[in-house]
Amino acid sequence: MLKQLTTFKTVYETRSFSKTALLLFIAQPTVSAQIKQLENDLQTQLFIRSGRQELQVTAAADFLYHKTLGLLDDWEEVVQALRLQQEEVRLIRLGASHTFASYVLPQVLPLLHAAFPKIKFIVELLNSFEVLQALTQHQIDLGFIEKPLASKELTRHTLLADELVLVGDCKGPWLVRESSSGVYYYTQRYLEEAGLTPEILTIKNNEIIVALLRQGFGCSLLSKRAAEGLPYQKLGPSYQREFYLLQQKTADRQLEAYIAFIRQWSGKIDGQPKKLPNV
């Protein structure tokens, strides 16, 4: 079934049996046979074949494609975890909010890799609220956020200070993250304090916002780290915030060692020693 789903996914994306055969290094009749078998198993038509024209997809194919993406990703993670288990290598799943993932994690991850060579990391990009949810539901092992969220099931550690600045031409639209992101609260507060009701474009990705600002389009509140190379306006101490590390309240000694390493590293960067757990 997994081979059939992989073939289906490629056919759906290429709209071509011949291109799929080339990409998957299999014969075109094999592609046709796998799709036919999948359609028989599911008792539904997935593709409309019309001679030499591009394949047409059915509503069932649209539905199956989006489900298949998740299934194949989940299966790959299972396979990787089993391989690592056999190699006595531990898999650590990190969830990081956008600014932390883009501008802080690349600094600490190579150091973690060097200090703990038998760790393999999977990094997932989420907003602050999604990180908390994923950790609470045991979908990740450690979370990094830029919003002071808390849960009775989790322990929160302060890592690094961060400063928000105003970037761009505010005569144009405001480029604003979604309401569950770390910077959204500060943006709303700034607009209320300034008495502004501008045009709002909601963009759920920091890198897209930065790219638009570099083109001179719109304005936004950004981490100073993200605003590097752009003209910006400082907003004062009330727009200082923190990055946080979230963990389960009960963590094994090995995971506590990783946490201690991260917190010790952040203390050196931030100039503030952190009280570390005994490991």
Protein backbone atom coordinates (compact mmCIF):
# COMPACT_ATOMS: atom_id res chain seq x y z
CA MET A 1 0.00 0.00 0.00
CA LEU A 2 2.85 2.43 0.81
CA LYS A 3 4.36 1.89 -2.67
CA GLN A 4 0.97 2.52 -4.22
CA LEU A 5 0.48 5.69 -2.19
CA THR A 6 3.97 6.95 -3.12
CA THR A 7 3.18 6.31 -6.78
CA PHE A 8 -0.24 7.96 -6.41
CA LYS A 9 1.34 11.05 -4.81
CA THR A 10 3.81 11.43 -7.69
CA VAL A 11 1.15 10.92 -10.35
CA TYR A 12 -1.06 13.49 -8.63
CA GLU A 13 1.78 16.05 -8.59
CA THR A 14 3.02 15.40 -12.16
CA ARG A 15 -0.34 14.59 -13.77
CA SER A 16 1.60 12.05 -15.83
CA PHE A 17 2.23 8.29 -15.65
CA SER A 18 5.36 8.59 -17.81
CA LYS A 19 6.92 11.34 -15.69
CA THR A 20 6.10 9.35 -12.55
CA ALA A 21 7.85 6.31 -13.99
CA LEU A 22 10.99 8.37 -14.67
CA LEU A 23 10.98 9.98 -11.20
CA LEU A 24 10.45 6.69 -9.35
CA PHE A 25 12.72 4.60 -11.63
CA ILE A 26 9.99 2.10 -12.46
CA ALA A 27 8.31 1.06 -15.70
CA GLN A 28 5.24 2.95 -16.89
CA PRO A 29 3.09 -0.22 -16.91
CA THR A 30 4.01 -0.66 -13.22
CA VAL A 31 2.72 2.85 -12.50
CA SER A 32 -0.53 2.10 -14.30
CA ALA A 33 -0.93 -1.23 -12.48
CA GLN A 34 -0.33 0.32 -9.05
CA ILE A 35 -2.84 3.12 -9.63
CA LYS A 36 -5.40 0.61 -10.96
CA GLN A 37 -4.89 -1.61 -7.91
CA LEU A 38 -5.26 1.39 -5.58
CA GLU A 39 -8.49 2.44 -7.31
CA ASN A 40 -9.79 -1.13 -6.98
CA ASP A 41 -8.86 -1.30 -3.29
CA LEU A 42 -10.54 2.03 -2.57
CA GLN A 43 -13.42 1.33 -4.98
CA THR A 44 -13.18 4.82 -6.44
CA GLN A 45 -11.74 6.52 -9.51
CA LEU A 46 -8.74 8.73 -8.82
CA PHE A 47 -7.67 9.90 -12.29
CA ILE A 48 -9.55 10.60 -15.53
CA ARG A 49 -7.48 9.42 -18.46
CA SER A 50 -8.13 11.31 -21.69
CA GLY A 51 -5.70 10.23 -24.37
CA ARG A 52 -2.62 12.39 -24.74
CA GLN A 53 -3.97 15.20 -22.59
CA GLU A 54 -2.88 15.82 -19.02
CA LEU A 55 -4.52 13.52 -16.47
CA GLN A 56 -7.51 14.99 -14.67
CA VAL A 57 -7.93 14.34 -10.94
CA THR A 58 -11.17 13.51 -9.17
CA ALA A 59 -12.45 14.90 -5.88
CA ALA A 60 -11.48 11.56 -4.31
CA ALA A 61 -7.90 12.09 -5.52
CA ASP A 62 -7.80 15.58 -3.99
CA PHE A 63 -8.93 14.17 -0.65
CA LEU A 64 -6.54 11.19 -0.77
CA TYR A 65 -3.56 13.37 -1.75
CA HIS A 66 -3.79 15.59 1.34
CA LYS A 67 -4.23 12.55 3.58
CA THR A 68 -1.32 10.76 1.88
CA LEU A 69 1.12 13.59 2.62
CA GLY A 70 0.59 13.12 6.35
CA LEU A 71 0.63 9.31 6.15
CA LEU A 72 3.93 9.19 4.27
CA ASP A 73 5.54 11.74 6.61
CA ASP A 74 4.39 9.77 9.66
CA TRP A 75 5.66 6.50 8.18
CA GLU A 76 9.06 8.01 7.39
CA GLU A 77 9.33 9.21 10.99
CA VAL A 78 8.48 5.71 12.26
CA VAL A 79 11.11 4.12 10.00
CA GLN A 80 13.73 6.65 11.08
CA ALA A 81 12.93 6.13 14.76
CA LEU A 82 13.28 2.34 14.41
CA ARG A 83 16.62 2.71 12.63
CA LEU A 84 17.91 5.05 15.31
CA GLN A 85 16.72 2.66 18.01
CA GLN A 86 18.77 -0.14 16.45
CA GLU A 87 21.80 2.17 16.30
CA GLU A 88 21.30 3.24 19.95
CA VAL A 89 20.76 6.79 18.72
CA ARG A 90 18.08 8.91 20.37
CA LEU A 91 15.58 10.91 18.37
CA ILE A 92 14.68 14.32 19.85
CA ARG A 93 11.73 16.22 18.37
CA LEU A 94 12.03 20.00 18.70
CA GLY A 95 9.20 22.44 18.15
CA ALA A 96 10.28 26.05 17.66
CA SER A 97 8.41 29.29 17.04
CA HIS A 98 9.32 31.18 13.86
CA THR A 99 11.80 33.77 15.14
CA PHE A 100 13.59 31.33 17.44
CA ALA A 101 13.79 28.70 14.69
CA SER A 102 15.17 31.12 12.12
CA TYR A 103 17.60 33.22 14.17
CA VAL A 104 18.51 31.36 17.38
CA LEU A 105 18.21 27.63 16.76
CA PRO A 106 20.87 27.67 13.99
CA GLN A 107 23.34 28.94 16.61
CA VAL A 108 22.71 26.28 19.24
CA LEU A 109 21.84 23.22 17.15
CA PRO A 110 25.39 22.61 15.82
CA LEU A 111 26.71 22.87 19.38
CA LEU A 112 24.14 20.35 20.60
CA HIS A 113 25.05 18.04 17.74
CA ALA A 114 28.73 18.23 18.64
CA ALA A 115 28.12 17.76 22.39
CA PHE A 116 25.65 14.88 21.94
CA PRO A 117 26.66 13.07 18.73
CA LYS A 118 24.16 10.24 19.27
CA ILE A 119 21.17 12.56 19.12
CA LYS A 120 19.23 12.96 15.90
CA PHE A 121 16.97 15.99 15.75
CA ILE A 122 13.68 16.58 14.01
CA VAL A 123 12.77 20.28 14.00
CA GLU A 124 9.20 21.43 13.43
CA LEU A 125 8.32 25.07 12.74
CA LEU A 126 5.23 26.16 14.70
CA ASN A 127 3.87 29.27 16.35
CA SER A 128 4.12 29.63 20.14
CA PHE A 129 0.66 28.26 20.90
CA GLU A 130 1.14 25.29 18.56
CA VAL A 131 4.44 24.48 20.31
CA LEU A 132 2.68 24.37 23.67
CA GLN A 133 -0.08 22.17 22.27
CA ALA A 134 2.36 19.77 20.60
CA LEU A 135 4.40 19.40 23.80
CA THR A 136 1.30 18.86 25.92
CA GLN A 137 0.18 16.14 23.52
CA HIS A 138 3.68 14.52 23.52
CA GLN A 139 4.16 15.19 19.81
CA ILE A 140 7.51 16.90 20.51
CA ASP A 141 10.11 16.56 23.28
CA LEU A 142 11.21 20.19 23.74
CA GLY A 143 9.64 23.48 22.72
CA PHE A 144 11.00 26.97 22.10
CA ILE A 145 8.56 29.87 22.17
CA GLU A 146 8.52 33.69 22.19
CA LYS A 147 5.29 34.15 24.13
CA PRO A 148 5.03 33.58 27.92
CA LEU A 149 2.58 30.69 27.67
CA ALA A 150 2.25 28.29 30.58
CA SER A 151 0.61 24.97 31.41
CA LYS A 152 0.35 22.99 34.62
CA GLU A 153 1.75 20.01 32.72
CA LEU A 154 4.88 21.85 31.55
CA THR A 155 7.91 23.63 32.99
CA ARG A 156 9.00 26.92 31.38
CA HIS A 157 12.58 28.24 31.44
CA THR A 158 13.61 31.75 30.36
CA LEU A 159 16.40 31.59 27.77
CA LEU A 160 17.22 34.81 25.92
CA ALA A 161 16.07 38.41 25.76
CA ASP A 162 14.66 39.68 22.50
CA GLU A 163 13.74 43.16 21.27
CA LEU A 164 10.90 44.02 18.92
CA VAL A 165 11.38 46.91 16.51
CA LEU A 166 9.22 48.70 13.93
CA VAL A 167 10.28 48.05 10.34
CA GLY A 168 9.03 49.41 7.02
CA ASP A 169 6.79 52.07 5.51
CA CYS A 170 3.71 52.38 7.71
CA LYS A 171 1.81 54.24 5.00
CA GLY A 172 1.25 50.84 3.44
CA PRO A 173 -0.44 47.76 4.91
CA TRP A 174 0.65 46.21 8.20
CA LEU A 175 2.07 42.70 7.83
CA VAL A 176 0.85 40.86 10.90
CA ARG A 177 1.35 37.30 12.15
CA GLU A 178 -1.63 35.15 13.16
CA SER A 179 -3.27 35.75 16.56
CA SER A 180 -1.61 32.73 18.24
CA SER A 181 1.91 33.89 17.37
CA GLY A 182 4.28 35.49 19.84
CA VAL A 183 4.45 38.93 18.19
CA TYR A 184 0.72 39.39 17.54
CA TYR A 185 -0.02 40.71 21.06
CA TYR A 186 2.69 43.38 20.78
CA THR A 187 1.44 44.43 17.35
CA GLN A 188 -2.11 44.87 18.62
CA ARG A 189 -0.87 46.82 21.63
CA TYR A 190 1.25 49.13 19.45
CA LEU A 191 -1.68 49.86 17.12
CA GLU A 192 -4.00 50.61 20.05
CA GLU A 193 -1.45 52.87 21.77
CA ALA A 194 -0.83 54.75 18.52
CA GLY A 195 -4.55 54.97 17.71
CA LEU A 196 -4.03 53.30 14.34
CA THR A 197 -6.55 51.24 12.35
CA PRO A 198 -4.47 50.34 9.28
CA GLU A 199 -5.04 47.81 6.54
CA ILE A 200 -3.93 44.42 7.92
CA LEU A 201 -2.44 41.56 5.92
CA THR A 202 -2.17 38.38 8.01
CA ILE A 203 0.91 36.39 7.04
CA LYS A 204 1.74 33.20 8.92
CA ASN A 205 5.45 33.19 8.14
CA ASN A 206 8.23 35.50 9.30
CA GLU A 207 10.41 34.93 6.27
CA ILE A 208 7.66 36.08 3.91
CA ILE A 209 7.14 39.21 6.01
CA VAL A 210 10.88 39.99 5.95
CA ALA A 211 11.03 39.41 2.18
CA LEU A 212 8.13 41.83 1.63
CA LEU A 213 9.74 44.44 3.87
CA ARG A 214 12.98 44.15 1.91
CA GLN A 215 10.98 45.03 -1.21
CA GLY A 216 9.68 48.15 0.56
CA PHE A 217 6.17 46.76 0.93
CA GLY A 218 4.28 47.41 4.18
CA CYS A 219 5.49 47.56 7.76
CA SER A 220 5.63 45.21 10.72
CA LEU A 221 6.89 44.62 14.23
CA LEU A 222 9.82 42.23 14.06
CA SER A 223 12.47 40.79 16.29
CA LYS A 224 15.60 42.92 15.98
CA ARG A 225 17.35 39.70 14.95
CA ALA A 226 15.04 39.39 11.94
CA ALA A 227 15.42 43.08 11.02
CA GLU A 228 19.16 42.84 10.36
CA GLY A 229 20.04 44.94 7.30
CA LEU A 230 16.72 46.81 7.37
CA PRO A 231 16.14 50.33 8.77
CA TYR A 232 14.09 50.10 11.94
CA GLN A 233 12.74 52.16 14.81
CA LYS A 234 13.30 51.16 18.44
CA LEU A 235 10.17 51.04 20.56
CA GLY A 236 11.55 51.10 24.10
CA PRO A 237 11.68 48.68 27.02
CA SER A 238 7.98 47.77 26.89
CA TYR A 239 8.73 45.95 23.64
CA GLN A 240 11.40 43.76 25.15
CA ARG A 241 10.40 40.11 25.45
CA GLU A 242 11.96 36.72 26.19
CA PHE A 243 12.47 33.43 24.44
CA TYR A 244 11.45 30.42 26.53
CA LEU A 245 12.19 26.71 26.65
CA LEU A 246 9.27 24.40 27.46
CA GLN A 247 9.60 20.84 28.72
CA GLN A 248 7.46 18.16 30.29
CA LYS A 249 7.50 18.37 34.11
CA THR A 250 8.90 14.84 34.23
CA ALA A 251 11.90 14.37 31.92
CA ASP A 252 14.51 11.63 32.00
CA ARG A 253 18.09 12.42 32.99
CA GLN A 254 19.31 12.35 29.41
CA LEU A 255 16.77 14.94 28.29
CA GLU A 256 17.58 17.04 31.36
CA ALA A 257 21.22 17.03 30.21
CA TYR A 258 20.21 18.52 26.85
CA ILE A 259 18.07 21.12 28.61
CA ALA A 260 20.94 22.04 30.95
CA PHE A 261 23.28 22.45 27.96
CA ILE A 262 20.82 24.75 26.14
CA ARG A 263 20.21 26.87 29.23
CA GLN A 264 23.91 27.16 30.00
CA TRP A 265 24.58 28.21 26.40
CA SER A 266 21.80 30.82 26.52
CA GLY A 267 23.24 32.23 29.76
CA LYS A 268 26.58 32.83 28.05
CA ILE A 269 24.90 34.50 25.08
CA ASP A 270 22.53 36.58 27.19
CA GLY A 271 25.03 37.38 29.93
CA GLN A 272 22.62 36.05 32.57
CA PRO A 273 23.59 32.86 34.44
CA LYS A 274 20.73 30.38 34.62
CA LYS A 275 19.93 28.15 37.60
CA LEU A 276 20.43 24.68 36.14
CA PRO A 277 18.99 21.33 37.22
CA ASN A 278 21.22 18.66 38.71
CA VAL A 279 22.08 16.16 35.99
